Amino acid sequence: MGTTQPRQGVIRDYYAHIDRVDLDWVLALFAADAVYERADATYSGISEISHFFREERQIRGVHDIEQLWADDDSVVALGEFRGVGAEGDARRVRFTDVWHFGADERVRRRQTFLALGHGYVAR
């Protein structure tokens, strides 16, 4: 139980850093052999995760974290992203992130579950 509060703080800090596009800080959070499962895509190892953040991820905006839960080796974040896509189109999506830590306090596995609002499927 002693590590849950610091890990919650690290994950809260993550969203501030990703919103500022501070990718060096973001990538330092992950272990070399980490796996990131993002909706229907999987990135294995820091090289693939780095490529995703540096080349593929084009959205910019802010994450509003509503709740954080933690247990012995995981943190769950529930929130909403609001921003723009690569073409400047408005984006708003609710998400749940599950972060799994190793003994070295680096992220070993991250799972992102995305829920699109009705506007994405209305037309």
PDB file of N, CA and C in Angstrom:
ATOM      1  N   MET A   1       0.826  -1.206   0.000  1.00  0.00           N
ATOM      2  CA  MET A   1       0.000   0.000   0.000  1.00  0.00           C
ATOM      3  C   MET A   1       0.858   1.253   0.000  1.00  0.00           C
ATOM      4  N   GLY A   2       2.102   1.167   0.437  1.00  0.00           N
ATOM      5  CA  GLY A   2       2.957   2.337   0.529  1.00  0.00           C
ATOM      6  C   GLY A   2       3.323   2.950  -0.804  1.00  0.00           C
ATOM      7  N   THR A   3       3.262   2.187  -1.902  1.00  0.00           N
ATOM      8  CA  THR A   3       3.646   2.727  -3.204  1.00  0.00           C
ATOM      9  C   THR A   3       2.466   3.226  -4.020  1.00  0.00           C
ATOM     10  N   THR A   4       1.248   3.035  -3.576  1.00  0.00           N
ATOM     11  CA  THR A   4       0.102   3.426  -4.398  1.00  0.00           C
ATOM     12  C   THR A   4       0.005   4.936  -4.563  1.00  0.00           C
ATOM     13  N   GLN A   5       0.215   5.709  -3.503  1.00  0.00           N
ATOM     14  CA  GLN A   5       0.120   7.167  -3.611  1.00  0.00           C
ATOM     15  C   GLN A   5       1.190   7.750  -4.536  1.00  0.00           C
ATOM     16  N   PRO A   6       2.486   7.362  -4.399  1.00  0.00           N
ATOM     17  CA  PRO A   6       3.483   7.887  -5.342  1.00  0.00           C
ATOM     18  C   PRO A   6       3.172   7.509  -6.790  1.00  0.00           C
ATOM     19  N   ARG A   7       2.705   6.300  -7.016  1.00  0.00           N
ATOM     20  CA  ARG A   7       2.373   5.885  -8.380  1.00  0.00           C
ATOM     21  C   ARG A   7       1.207   6.689  -8.925  1.00  0.00           C
ATOM     22  N   GLN A   8       0.227   6.971  -8.104  1.00  0.00           N
ATOM     23  CA  GLN A   8      -0.879   7.823  -8.552  1.00  0.00           C
ATOM     24  C   GLN A   8      -0.352   9.199  -8.954  1.00  0.00           C
ATOM     25  N   GLY A   9       0.583   9.726  -8.200  1.00  0.00           N
ATOM     26  CA  GLY A   9       1.180  11.023  -8.522  1.00  0.00           C
ATOM     27  C   GLY A   9       1.937  10.986  -9.834  1.00  0.00           C
ATOM     28  N   VAL A  10       2.674   9.906 -10.072  1.00  0.00           N
ATOM     29  CA  VAL A  10       3.416   9.745 -11.322  1.00  0.00           C
ATOM     30  C   VAL A  10       2.449   9.713 -12.501  1.00  0.00           C
ATOM     31  N   ILE A  11       1.357   8.989 -12.358  1.00  0.00           N
ATOM     32  CA  ILE A  11       0.397   8.888 -13.455  1.00  0.00           C
ATOM     33  C   ILE A  11      -0.318  10.222 -13.665  1.00  0.00           C
ATOM     34  N   ARG A  12      -0.643  10.915 -12.612  1.00  0.00           N
ATOM     35  CA  ARG A  12      -1.228  12.255 -12.775  1.00  0.00           C
ATOM     36  C   ARG A  12      -0.234  13.169 -13.494  1.00  0.00           C
ATOM     37  N   ASP A  13       1.046  13.069 -13.128  1.00  0.00           N
ATOM     38  CA  ASP A  13       2.091  13.847 -13.806  1.00  0.00           C
ATOM     39  C   ASP A  13       2.199  13.470 -15.281  1.00  0.00           C
ATOM     40  N   TYR A  14       2.022  12.183 -15.591  1.00  0.00           N
ATOM     41  CA  TYR A  14       2.095  11.733 -16.980  1.00  0.00           C
ATOM     42  C   TYR A  14       1.164  12.565 -17.859  1.00  0.00           C
ATOM     43  N   TYR A  15      -0.077  12.736 -17.426  1.00  0.00           N
ATOM     44  CA  TYR A  15      -1.050  13.444 -18.268  1.00  0.00           C
ATOM     45  C   TYR A  15      -0.652  14.904 -18.468  1.00  0.00           C
ATOM     46  N   ALA A  16      -0.075  15.531 -17.473  1.00  0.00           N
ATOM     47  CA  ALA A  16       0.419  16.907 -17.640  1.00  0.00           C
ATOM     48  C   ALA A  16       1.564  16.935 -18.648  1.00  0.00           C
ATOM     49  N   HIS A  17       2.460  15.952 -18.582  1.00  0.00           N
ATOM     50  CA  HIS A  17       3.594  15.904 -19.501  1.00  0.00           C
ATOM     51  C   HIS A  17       3.170  15.572 -20.926  1.00  0.00           C
ATOM     52  N   ILE A  18       2.236  14.640 -21.097  1.00  0.00           N
ATOM     53  CA  ILE A  18       1.797  14.306 -22.456  1.00  0.00           C
ATOM     54  C   ILE A  18       1.029  15.477 -23.056  1.00  0.00           C
ATOM     55  N   ASP A  19       0.295  16.212 -22.236  1.00  0.00           N
ATOM     56  CA  ASP A  19      -0.425  17.391 -22.746  1.00  0.00           C
ATOM     57  C   ASP A  19       0.543  18.472 -23.220  1.00  0.00           C
ATOM     58  N   ARG A  20       1.741  18.524 -22.634  1.00  0.00           N
ATOM     59  CA  ARG A  20       2.783  19.477 -23.053  1.00  0.00           C
ATOM     60  C   ARG A  20       3.691  18.884 -24.137  1.00  0.00           C
ATOM     61  N   VAL A  21       3.404  17.656 -24.539  1.00  0.00           N
ATOM     62  CA  VAL A  21       4.193  16.922 -25.531  1.00  0.00           C
ATOM     63  C   VAL A  21       5.656  16.807 -25.078  1.00  0.00           C
ATOM     64  N   ASP A  22       5.838  16.536 -23.799  1.00  0.00           N
ATOM     65  CA  ASP A  22       7.157  16.314 -23.210  1.00  0.00           C
ATOM     66  C   ASP A  22       7.485  14.824 -23.342  1.00  0.00           C
ATOM     67  N   LEU A  23       7.843  14.413 -24.551  1.00  0.00           N
ATOM     68  CA  LEU A  23       7.965  12.996 -24.858  1.00  0.00           C
ATOM     69  C   LEU A  23       9.155  12.317 -24.209  1.00  0.00           C
ATOM     70  N   ASP A  24      10.228  13.038 -23.944  1.00  0.00           N
ATOM     71  CA  ASP A  24      11.358  12.420 -23.245  1.00  0.00           C
ATOM     72  C   ASP A  24      10.926  11.964 -21.856  1.00  0.00           C
ATOM     73  N   TRP A  25      10.185  12.807 -21.141  1.00  0.00           N
ATOM     74  CA  TRP A  25       9.681  12.439 -19.806  1.00  0.00           C
ATOM     75  C   TRP A  25       8.729  11.256 -19.925  1.00  0.00           C
ATOM     76  N   VAL A  26       7.810  11.333 -20.883  1.00  0.00           N
ATOM     77  CA  VAL A  26       6.817  10.273 -21.071  1.00  0.00           C
ATOM     78  C   VAL A  26       7.503   8.938 -21.325  1.00  0.00           C
ATOM     79  N   LEU A  27       8.449   8.905 -22.235  1.00  0.00           N
ATOM     80  CA  LEU A  27       9.089   7.644 -22.602  1.00  0.00           C
ATOM     81  C   LEU A  27       9.962   7.086 -21.490  1.00  0.00           C
ATOM     82  N   ALA A  28      10.520   7.941 -20.657  1.00  0.00           N
ATOM     83  CA  ALA A  28      11.334   7.479 -19.528  1.00  0.00           C
ATOM     84  C   ALA A  28      10.501   6.712 -18.507  1.00  0.00           C
ATOM     85  N   LEU A  29       9.201   6.860 -18.549  1.00  0.00           N
ATOM     86  CA  LEU A  29       8.301   6.172 -17.627  1.00  0.00           C
ATOM     87  C   LEU A  29       8.200   4.673 -17.932  1.00  0.00           C
ATOM     88  N   PHE A  30       8.452   4.301 -19.195  1.00  0.00           N
ATOM     89  CA  PHE A  30       8.257   2.920 -19.637  1.00  0.00           C
ATOM     90  C   PHE A  30       9.540   2.100 -19.526  1.00  0.00           C
ATOM     91  N   ALA A  31       9.387   0.839 -19.158  1.00  0.00           N
ATOM     92  CA  ALA A  31      10.496  -0.113 -19.158  1.00  0.00           C
ATOM     93  C   ALA A  31      10.871  -0.440 -20.605  1.00  0.00           C
ATOM     94  N   ALA A  32      12.095  -0.897 -20.819  1.00  0.00           N
ATOM     95  CA  ALA A  32      12.569  -1.222 -22.171  1.00  0.00           C
ATOM     96  C   ALA A  32      11.697  -2.268 -22.853  1.00  0.00           C
ATOM     97  N   ASP A  33      11.153  -3.208 -22.070  1.00  0.00           N
ATOM     98  CA  ASP A  33      10.339  -4.283 -22.636  1.00  0.00           C
ATOM     99  C   ASP A  33       8.836  -4.081 -22.395  1.00  0.00           C
ATOM    100  N   ALA A  34       8.436  -2.847 -22.159  1.00  0.00           N
ATOM    101  CA  ALA A  34       7.027  -2.555 -21.877  1.00  0.00           C
ATOM    102  C   ALA A  34       6.146  -2.879 -23.078  1.00  0.00           C
ATOM    103  N   VAL A  35       4.877  -3.089 -22.787  1.00  0.00           N
ATOM    104  CA  VAL A  35       3.866  -3.306 -23.813  1.00  0.00           C
ATOM    105  C   VAL A  35       2.762  -2.279 -23.592  1.00  0.00           C
ATOM    106  N   TYR A  36       2.374  -1.602 -24.680  1.00  0.00           N
ATOM    107  CA  TYR A  36       1.286  -0.622 -24.628  1.00  0.00           C
ATOM    108  C   TYR A  36       0.173  -1.104 -25.545  1.00  0.00           C
ATOM    109  N   GLU A  37      -0.961  -1.448 -24.951  1.00  0.00           N
ATOM    110  CA  GLU A  37      -2.145  -1.875 -25.691  1.00  0.00           C
ATOM    111  C   GLU A  37      -3.100  -0.682 -25.729  1.00  0.00           C
ATOM    112  N   ARG A  38      -3.273  -0.115 -26.911  1.00  0.00           N
ATOM    113  CA  ARG A  38      -4.085   1.093 -27.073  1.00  0.00           C
ATOM    114  C   ARG A  38      -5.235   0.774 -28.004  1.00  0.00           C
ATOM    115  N   ALA A  39      -6.418   0.599 -27.433  1.00  0.00           N
ATOM    116  CA  ALA A  39      -7.606   0.200 -28.199  1.00  0.00           C
ATOM    117  C   ALA A  39      -7.272  -1.060 -28.983  1.00  0.00           C
ATOM    118  N   ASP A  40      -7.247  -0.993 -30.318  1.00  0.00           N
ATOM    119  CA  ASP A  40      -7.006  -2.199 -31.106  1.00  0.00           C
ATOM    120  C   ASP A  40      -5.561  -2.330 -31.603  1.00  0.00           C
ATOM    121  N   ALA A  41      -4.650  -1.529 -31.071  1.00  0.00           N
ATOM    122  CA  ALA A  41      -3.234  -1.589 -31.464  1.00  0.00           C
ATOM    123  C   ALA A  41      -2.378  -1.997 -30.273  1.00  0.00           C
ATOM    124  N   THR A  42      -1.273  -2.704 -30.554  1.00  0.00           N
ATOM    125  CA  THR A  42      -0.335  -3.091 -29.508  1.00  0.00           C
ATOM    126  C   THR A  42       1.067  -2.679 -29.929  1.00  0.00           C
ATOM    127  N   TYR A  43       1.775  -2.015 -29.013  1.00  0.00           N
ATOM    128  CA  TYR A  43       3.150  -1.579 -29.220  1.00  0.00           C
ATOM    129  C   TYR A  43       4.017  -2.320 -28.204  1.00  0.00           C
ATOM    130  N   SER A  44       4.977  -3.100 -28.712  1.00  0.00           N
ATOM    131  CA  SER A  44       5.811  -3.928 -27.845  1.00  0.00           C
ATOM    132  C   SER A  44       7.236  -3.397 -27.831  1.00  0.00           C
ATOM    133  N   GLY A  45       7.730  -3.086 -26.641  1.00  0.00           N
ATOM    134  CA  GLY A  45       9.087  -2.586 -26.480  1.00  0.00           C
ATOM    135  C   GLY A  45       9.151  -1.070 -26.636  1.00  0.00           C
ATOM    136  N   ILE A  46      10.179  -0.486 -26.043  1.00  0.00           N
ATOM    137  CA  ILE A  46      10.295   0.968 -26.011  1.00  0.00           C
ATOM    138  C   ILE A  46      10.460   1.556 -27.407  1.00  0.00           C
ATOM    139  N   SER A  47      11.048   0.821 -28.342  1.00  0.00           N
ATOM    140  CA  SER A  47      11.214   1.333 -29.699  1.00  0.00           C
ATOM    141  C   SER A  47       9.858   1.556 -30.374  1.00  0.00           C
ATOM    142  N   GLU A  48       8.963   0.583 -30.281  1.00  0.00           N
ATOM    143  CA  GLU A  48       7.630   0.734 -30.869  1.00  0.00           C
ATOM    144  C   GLU A  48       6.812   1.788 -30.121  1.00  0.00           C
ATOM    145  N   ILE A  49       6.932   1.812 -28.803  1.00  0.00           N
ATOM    146  CA  ILE A  49       6.203   2.807 -28.014  1.00  0.00           C
ATOM    147  C   ILE A  49       6.695   4.207 -28.368  1.00  0.00           C
ATOM    148  N   SER A  50       7.997   4.370 -28.502  1.00  0.00           N
ATOM    149  CA  SER A  50       8.572   5.659 -28.887  1.00  0.00           C
ATOM    150  C   SER A  50       8.079   6.080 -30.271  1.00  0.00           C
ATOM    151  N   HIS A  51       8.068   5.155 -31.210  1.00  0.00           N
ATOM    152  CA  HIS A  51       7.586   5.457 -32.560  1.00  0.00           C
ATOM    153  C   HIS A  51       6.131   5.924 -32.511  1.00  0.00           C
ATOM    154  N   PHE A  52       5.320   5.245 -31.721  1.00  0.00           N
ATOM    155  CA  PHE A  52       3.926   5.664 -31.598  1.00  0.00           C
ATOM    156  C   PHE A  52       3.843   7.108 -31.116  1.00  0.00           C
ATOM    157  N   PHE A  53       4.500   7.415 -30.003  1.00  0.00           N
ATOM    158  CA  PHE A  53       4.385   8.754 -29.424  1.00  0.00           C
ATOM    159  C   PHE A  53       5.023   9.828 -30.311  1.00  0.00           C
ATOM    160  N   ARG A  54       6.135   9.518 -30.938  1.00  0.00           N
ATOM    161  CA  ARG A  54       6.869  10.530 -31.721  1.00  0.00           C
ATOM    162  C   ARG A  54       6.357  10.683 -33.155  1.00  0.00           C
ATOM    163  N   GLU A  55       5.810   9.615 -33.738  1.00  0.00           N
ATOM    164  CA  GLU A  55       5.436   9.655 -35.156  1.00  0.00           C
ATOM    165  C   GLU A  55       3.937   9.488 -35.412  1.00  0.00           C
ATOM    166  N   GLU A  56       3.298   8.571 -34.725  1.00  0.00           N
ATOM    167  CA  GLU A  56       1.901   8.243 -35.022  1.00  0.00           C
ATOM    168  C   GLU A  56       0.904   9.126 -34.282  1.00  0.00           C
ATOM    169  N   ARG A  57       1.170   9.393 -33.023  1.00  0.00           N
ATOM    170  CA  ARG A  57       0.213  10.148 -32.200  1.00  0.00           C
ATOM    171  C   ARG A  57       0.259  11.618 -32.594  1.00  0.00           C
ATOM    172  N   GLN A  58      -0.796  12.075 -33.255  1.00  0.00           N
ATOM    173  CA  GLN A  58      -0.852  13.434 -33.775  1.00  0.00           C
ATOM    174  C   GLN A  58      -1.808  14.340 -32.996  1.00  0.00           C
ATOM    175  N   ILE A  59      -2.624  13.764 -32.133  1.00  0.00           N
ATOM    176  CA  ILE A  59      -3.590  14.578 -31.392  1.00  0.00           C
ATOM    177  C   ILE A  59      -2.879  15.492 -30.401  1.00  0.00           C
ATOM    178  N   ARG A  60      -3.489  16.624 -30.142  1.00  0.00           N
ATOM    179  CA  ARG A  60      -2.985  17.566 -29.142  1.00  0.00           C
ATOM    180  C   ARG A  60      -4.177  18.053 -28.335  1.00  0.00           C
ATOM    181  N   GLY A  61      -3.978  18.193 -27.044  1.00  0.00           N
ATOM    182  CA  GLY A  61      -5.074  18.664 -26.204  1.00  0.00           C
ATOM    183  C   GLY A  61      -4.777  18.424 -24.741  1.00  0.00           C
ATOM    184  N   VAL A  62      -5.840  18.276 -23.968  1.00  0.00           N
ATOM    185  CA  VAL A  62      -5.702  18.101 -22.524  1.00  0.00           C
ATOM    186  C   VAL A  62      -6.500  16.892 -22.054  1.00  0.00           C
ATOM    187  N   HIS A  63      -5.959  16.262 -21.041  1.00  0.00           N
ATOM    188  CA  HIS A  63      -6.610  15.140 -20.376  1.00  0.00           C
ATOM    189  C   HIS A  63      -7.184  15.641 -19.057  1.00  0.00           C
ATOM    190  N   ASP A  64      -8.437  15.380 -18.829  1.00  0.00           N
ATOM    191  CA  ASP A  64      -9.086  15.697 -17.557  1.00  0.00           C
ATOM    192  C   ASP A  64      -9.250  14.383 -16.799  1.00  0.00           C
ATOM    193  N   ILE A  65      -8.498  14.226 -15.726  1.00  0.00           N
ATOM    194  CA  ILE A  65      -8.549  12.990 -14.943  1.00  0.00           C
ATOM    195  C   ILE A  65      -9.610  13.143 -13.858  1.00  0.00           C
ATOM    196  N   GLU A  66     -10.597  12.277 -13.920  1.00  0.00           N
ATOM    197  CA  GLU A  66     -11.705  12.321 -12.966  1.00  0.00           C
ATOM    198  C   GLU A  66     -11.441  11.479 -11.729  1.00  0.00           C
ATOM    199  N   GLN A  67     -10.837  10.304 -11.937  1.00  0.00           N
ATOM    200  CA  GLN A  67     -10.566   9.420 -10.809  1.00  0.00           C
ATOM    201  C   GLN A  67      -9.305   8.607 -11.066  1.00  0.00           C
ATOM    202  N   LEU A  68      -8.604   8.317  -9.987  1.00  0.00           N
ATOM    203  CA  LEU A  68      -7.459   7.408 -10.008  1.00  0.00           C
ATOM    204  C   LEU A  68      -7.655   6.370  -8.914  1.00  0.00           C
ATOM    205  N   TRP A  69      -7.412   5.126  -9.245  1.00  0.00           N
ATOM    206  CA  TRP A  69      -7.430   4.047  -8.258  1.00  0.00           C
ATOM    207  C   TRP A  69      -6.098   3.332  -8.331  1.00  0.00           C
ATOM    208  N   ALA A  70      -5.659   2.786  -7.230  1.00  0.00           N
ATOM    209  CA  ALA A  70      -4.390   2.062  -7.221  1.00  0.00           C
ATOM    210  C   ALA A  70      -4.470   0.846  -6.317  1.00  0.00           C
ATOM    211  N   ASP A  71      -3.698  -0.180  -6.696  1.00  0.00           N
ATOM    212  CA  ASP A  71      -3.477  -1.315  -5.803  1.00  0.00           C
ATOM    213  C   ASP A  71      -1.970  -1.549  -5.752  1.00  0.00           C
ATOM    214  N   ASP A  72      -1.542  -2.743  -5.416  1.00  0.00           N
ATOM    215  CA  ASP A  72      -0.122  -2.992  -5.194  1.00  0.00           C
ATOM    216  C   ASP A  72       0.775  -2.714  -6.395  1.00  0.00           C
ATOM    217  N   ASP A  73       0.320  -3.021  -7.615  1.00  0.00           N
ATOM    218  CA  ASP A  73       1.194  -2.805  -8.771  1.00  0.00           C
ATOM    219  C   ASP A  73       0.505  -2.112  -9.950  1.00  0.00           C
ATOM    220  N   SER A  74      -0.680  -1.585  -9.755  1.00  0.00           N
ATOM    221  CA  SER A  74      -1.416  -0.982 -10.859  1.00  0.00           C
ATOM    222  C   SER A  74      -2.079   0.322 -10.442  1.00  0.00           C
ATOM    223  N   VAL A  75      -2.269   1.187 -11.448  1.00  0.00           N
ATOM    224  CA  VAL A  75      -3.050   2.417 -11.281  1.00  0.00           C
ATOM    225  C   VAL A  75      -4.050   2.467 -12.424  1.00  0.00           C
ATOM    226  N   VAL A  76      -5.282   2.820 -12.113  1.00  0.00           N
ATOM    227  CA  VAL A  76      -6.325   2.979 -13.117  1.00  0.00           C
ATOM    228  C   VAL A  76      -6.727   4.441 -13.145  1.00  0.00           C
ATOM    229  N   ALA A  77      -6.747   5.019 -14.352  1.00  0.00           N
ATOM    230  CA  ALA A  77      -7.139   6.411 -14.535  1.00  0.00           C
ATOM    231  C   ALA A  77      -8.382   6.461 -15.414  1.00  0.00           C
ATOM    232  N   LEU A  78      -9.368   7.227 -14.975  1.00  0.00           N
ATOM    233  CA  LEU A  78     -10.616   7.424 -15.713  1.00  0.00           C
ATOM    234  C   LEU A  78     -10.706   8.899 -16.051  1.00  0.00           C
ATOM    235  N   GLY A  79     -10.955   9.218 -17.314  1.00  0.00           N
ATOM    236  CA  GLY A  79     -11.021  10.627 -17.664  1.00  0.00           C
ATOM    237  C   GLY A  79     -11.531  10.886 -19.054  1.00  0.00           C
ATOM    238  N   GLU A  80     -11.249  12.120 -19.508  1.00  0.00           N
ATOM    239  CA  GLU A  80     -11.683  12.552 -20.832  1.00  0.00           C
ATOM    240  C   GLU A  80     -10.578  13.365 -21.486  1.00  0.00           C
ATOM    241  N   PHE A  81     -10.354  13.106 -22.776  1.00  0.00           N
ATOM    242  CA  PHE A  81      -9.426  13.886 -23.576  1.00  0.00           C
ATOM    243  C   PHE A  81     -10.242  14.858 -24.424  1.00  0.00           C
ATOM    244  N   ARG A  82      -9.781  16.130 -24.468  1.00  0.00           N
ATOM    245  CA  ARG A  82     -10.379  17.148 -25.328  1.00  0.00           C
ATOM    246  C   ARG A  82      -9.264  17.847 -26.081  1.00  0.00           C
ATOM    247  N   GLY A  83      -9.371  17.876 -27.389  1.00  0.00           N
ATOM    248  CA  GLY A  83      -8.327  18.519 -28.168  1.00  0.00           C
ATOM    249  C   GLY A  83      -8.642  18.518 -29.639  1.00  0.00           C
ATOM    250  N   VAL A  84      -7.575  18.425 -30.451  1.00  0.00           N
ATOM    251  CA  VAL A  84      -7.709  18.437 -31.905  1.00  0.00           C
ATOM    252  C   VAL A  84      -6.874  17.314 -32.507  1.00  0.00           C
ATOM    253  N   GLY A  85      -7.312  16.870 -33.686  1.00  0.00           N
ATOM    254  CA  GLY A  85      -6.570  15.890 -34.452  1.00  0.00           C
ATOM    255  C   GLY A  85      -5.540  16.572 -35.334  1.00  0.00           C
ATOM    256  N   ALA A  86      -4.876  15.795 -36.160  1.00  0.00           N
ATOM    257  CA  ALA A  86      -3.813  16.304 -37.025  1.00  0.00           C
ATOM    258  C   ALA A  86      -4.306  17.378 -37.986  1.00  0.00           C
ATOM    259  N   GLU A  87      -5.564  17.310 -38.395  1.00  0.00           N
ATOM    260  CA  GLU A  87      -6.137  18.278 -39.335  1.00  0.00           C
ATOM    261  C   GLU A  87      -6.829  19.441 -38.623  1.00  0.00           C
ATOM    262  N   GLY A  88      -6.699  19.500 -37.308  1.00  0.00           N
ATOM    263  CA  GLY A  88      -7.334  20.570 -36.549  1.00  0.00           C
ATOM    264  C   GLY A  88      -8.785  20.303 -36.191  1.00  0.00           C
ATOM    265  N   ASP A  89      -9.257  19.094 -36.482  1.00  0.00           N
ATOM    266  CA  ASP A  89     -10.638  18.730 -36.167  1.00  0.00           C
ATOM    267  C   ASP A  89     -10.779  18.451 -34.673  1.00  0.00           C
ATOM    268  N   ALA A  90     -11.899  18.856 -34.110  1.00  0.00           N
ATOM    269  CA  ALA A  90     -12.137  18.689 -32.672  1.00  0.00           C
ATOM    270  C   ALA A  90     -12.201  17.215 -32.308  1.00  0.00           C
ATOM    271  N   ARG A  91     -11.585  16.898 -31.189  1.00  0.00           N
ATOM    272  CA  ARG A  91     -11.610  15.531 -30.655  1.00  0.00           C
ATOM    273  C   ARG A  91     -12.014  15.575 -29.190  1.00  0.00           C
ATOM    274  N   ARG A  92     -12.873  14.656 -28.834  1.00  0.00           N
ATOM    275  CA  ARG A  92     -13.295  14.517 -27.438  1.00  0.00           C
ATOM    276  C   ARG A  92     -13.618  13.049 -27.228  1.00  0.00           C
ATOM    277  N   VAL A  93     -12.935  12.433 -26.292  1.00  0.00           N
ATOM    278  CA  VAL A  93     -13.139  11.005 -26.063  1.00  0.00           C
ATOM    279  C   VAL A  93     -12.882  10.676 -24.591  1.00  0.00           C
ATOM    280  N   ARG A  94     -13.734   9.838 -24.061  1.00  0.00           N
ATOM    281  CA  ARG A  94     -13.540   9.333 -22.703  1.00  0.00           C
ATOM    282  C   ARG A  94     -12.593   8.140 -22.779  1.00  0.00           C
ATOM    283  N   PHE A  95     -11.839   7.925 -21.715  1.00  0.00           N
ATOM    284  CA  PHE A  95     -10.865   6.837 -21.709  1.00  0.00           C
ATOM    285  C   PHE A  95     -10.702   6.268 -20.315  1.00  0.00           C
ATOM    286  N   THR A  96     -10.204   5.049 -20.300  1.00  0.00           N
ATOM    287  CA  THR A  96      -9.712   4.414 -19.080  1.00  0.00           C
ATOM    288  C   THR A  96      -8.336   3.872 -19.407  1.00  0.00           C
ATOM    289  N   ASP A  97      -7.365   4.210 -18.574  1.00  0.00           N
ATOM    290  CA  ASP A  97      -6.006   3.693 -18.701  1.00  0.00           C
ATOM    291  C   ASP A  97      -5.705   2.818 -17.500  1.00  0.00           C
ATOM    292  N   VAL A  98      -5.130   1.661 -17.758  1.00  0.00           N
ATOM    293  CA  VAL A  98      -4.663   0.774 -16.697  1.00  0.00           C
ATOM    294  C   VAL A  98      -3.152   0.678 -16.840  1.00  0.00           C
ATOM    295  N   TRP A  99      -2.449   1.102 -15.802  1.00  0.00           N
ATOM    296  CA  TRP A  99      -0.991   1.157 -15.777  1.00  0.00           C
ATOM    297  C   TRP A  99      -0.474   0.078 -14.833  1.00  0.00           C
ATOM    298  N   HIS A 100       0.430  -0.770 -15.309  1.00  0.00           N
ATOM    299  CA  HIS A 100       1.006  -1.843 -14.497  1.00  0.00           C
ATOM    300  C   HIS A 100       2.494  -1.549 -14.305  1.00  0.00           C
ATOM    301  N   PHE A 101       2.917  -1.490 -13.052  1.00  0.00           N
ATOM    302  CA  PHE A 101       4.302  -1.157 -12.712  1.00  0.00           C
ATOM    303  C   PHE A 101       5.113  -2.402 -12.374  1.00  0.00           C
ATOM    304  N   GLY A 102       6.407  -2.339 -12.667  1.00  0.00           N
ATOM    305  CA  GLY A 102       7.348  -3.360 -12.239  1.00  0.00           C
ATOM    306  C   GLY A 102       8.013  -2.944 -10.946  1.00  0.00           C
ATOM    307  N   ALA A 103       8.858  -3.810 -10.415  1.00  0.00           N
ATOM    308  CA  ALA A 103       9.551  -3.529  -9.155  1.00  0.00           C
ATOM    309  C   ALA A 103      10.464  -2.311  -9.271  1.00  0.00           C
ATOM    310  N   ASP A 104      10.912  -1.986 -10.475  1.00  0.00           N
ATOM    311  CA  ASP A 104      11.790  -0.831 -10.693  1.00  0.00           C
ATOM    312  C   ASP A 104      11.020   0.482 -10.848  1.00  0.00           C
ATOM    313  N   GLU A 105       9.703   0.428 -10.644  1.00  0.00           N
ATOM    314  CA  GLU A 105       8.808   1.595 -10.731  1.00  0.00           C
ATOM    315  C   GLU A 105       8.625   2.115 -12.152  1.00  0.00           C
ATOM    316  N   ARG A 106       9.009   1.327 -13.135  1.00  0.00           N
ATOM    317  CA  ARG A 106       8.730   1.683 -14.526  1.00  0.00           C
ATOM    318  C   ARG A 106       7.466   0.951 -14.977  1.00  0.00           C
ATOM    319  N   VAL A 107       6.800   1.522 -15.959  1.00  0.00           N
ATOM    320  CA  VAL A 107       5.583   0.907 -16.486  1.00  0.00           C
ATOM    321  C   VAL A 107       5.974  -0.289 -17.352  1.00  0.00           C
ATOM    322  N   ARG A 108       5.406  -1.440 -17.017  1.00  0.00           N
ATOM    323  CA  ARG A 108       5.641  -2.680 -17.767  1.00  0.00           C
ATOM    324  C   ARG A 108       4.545  -2.912 -18.804  1.00  0.00           C
ATOM    325  N   ARG A 109       3.340  -2.469 -18.469  1.00  0.00           N
ATOM    326  CA  ARG A 109       2.202  -2.660 -19.366  1.00  0.00           C
ATOM    327  C   ARG A 109       1.224  -1.519 -19.150  1.00  0.00           C
ATOM    328  N   ARG A 110       0.716  -1.011 -20.258  1.00  0.00           N
ATOM    329  CA  ARG A 110      -0.333   0.004 -20.208  1.00  0.00           C
ATOM    330  C   ARG A 110      -1.440  -0.441 -21.136  1.00  0.00           C
ATOM    331  N   GLN A 111      -2.671  -0.303 -20.669  1.00  0.00           N
ATOM    332  CA  GLN A 111      -3.836  -0.627 -21.476  1.00  0.00           C
ATOM    333  C   GLN A 111      -4.699   0.633 -21.549  1.00  0.00           C
ATOM    334  N   THR A 112      -5.070   1.029 -22.757  1.00  0.00           N
ATOM    335  CA  THR A 112      -5.931   2.189 -22.947  1.00  0.00           C
ATOM    336  C   THR A 112      -7.220   1.730 -23.606  1.00  0.00           C
ATOM    337  N   PHE A 113      -8.324   2.047 -22.960  1.00  0.00           N
ATOM    338  CA  PHE A 113      -9.649   1.741 -23.478  1.00  0.00           C
ATOM    339  C   PHE A 113     -10.309   3.065 -23.834  1.00  0.00           C
ATOM    340  N   LEU A 114     -10.756   3.201 -25.090  1.00  0.00           N
ATOM    341  CA  LEU A 114     -11.312   4.446 -25.580  1.00  0.00           C
ATOM    342  C   LEU A 114     -12.796   4.282 -25.883  1.00  0.00           C
ATOM    343  N   ALA A 115     -13.602   5.284 -25.512  1.00  0.00           N
ATOM    344  CA  ALA A 115     -15.028   5.291 -25.799  1.00  0.00           C
ATOM    345  C   ALA A 115     -15.327   6.546 -26.599  1.00  0.00           C
ATOM    346  N   LEU A 116     -15.848   6.382 -27.779  1.00  0.00           N
ATOM    347  CA  LEU A 116     -16.167   7.527 -28.621  1.00  0.00           C
ATOM    348  C   LEU A 116     -17.550   8.053 -28.289  1.00  0.00           C
ATOM    349  N   GLY A 117     -17.701   9.355 -28.286  1.00  0.00           N
ATOM    350  CA  GLY A 117     -18.997   9.966 -28.046  1.00  0.00           C
ATOM    351  C   GLY A 117     -19.923   9.764 -29.227  1.00  0.00           C
ATOM    352  N   HIS A 118     -21.190  10.029 -29.018  1.00  0.00           N
ATOM    353  CA  HIS A 118     -22.177   9.768 -30.065  1.00  0.00           C
ATOM    354  C   HIS A 118     -21.911  10.590 -31.323  1.00  0.00           C
ATOM    355  N   GLY A 119     -21.240  11.738 -31.199  1.00  0.00           N
ATOM    356  CA  GLY A 119     -20.939  12.561 -32.360  1.00  0.00           C
ATOM    357  C   GLY A 119     -20.062  11.873 -33.382  1.00  0.00           C
ATOM    358  N   TYR A 120     -19.255  10.935 -32.956  1.00  0.00           N
ATOM    359  CA  TYR A 120     -18.390  10.215 -33.885  1.00  0.00           C
ATOM    360  C   TYR A 120     -19.173   9.234 -34.767  1.00  0.00           C
ATOM    361  N   VAL A 121     -20.309   8.801 -34.287  1.00  0.00           N
ATOM    362  CA  VAL A 121     -21.082   7.823 -35.049  1.00  0.00           C
ATOM    363  C   VAL A 121     -22.419   8.379 -35.537  1.00  0.00           C
ATOM    364  N   ALA A 122     -22.695   9.639 -35.302  1.00  0.00           N
ATOM    365  CA  ALA A 122     -23.959  10.223 -35.733  1.00  0.00           C
ATOM    366  C   ALA A 122     -24.011  10.393 -37.263  1.00  0.00           C
ATOM    367  N   ARG A 123     -22.881  10.732 -37.883  1.00  0.00           N
ATOM    368  CA  ARG A 123     -22.815  10.902 -39.351  1.00  0.00           C
ATOM    369  C   ARG A 123     -21.532  10.335 -39.888  1.00  0.00           C
TER     370      ARG A 123
END
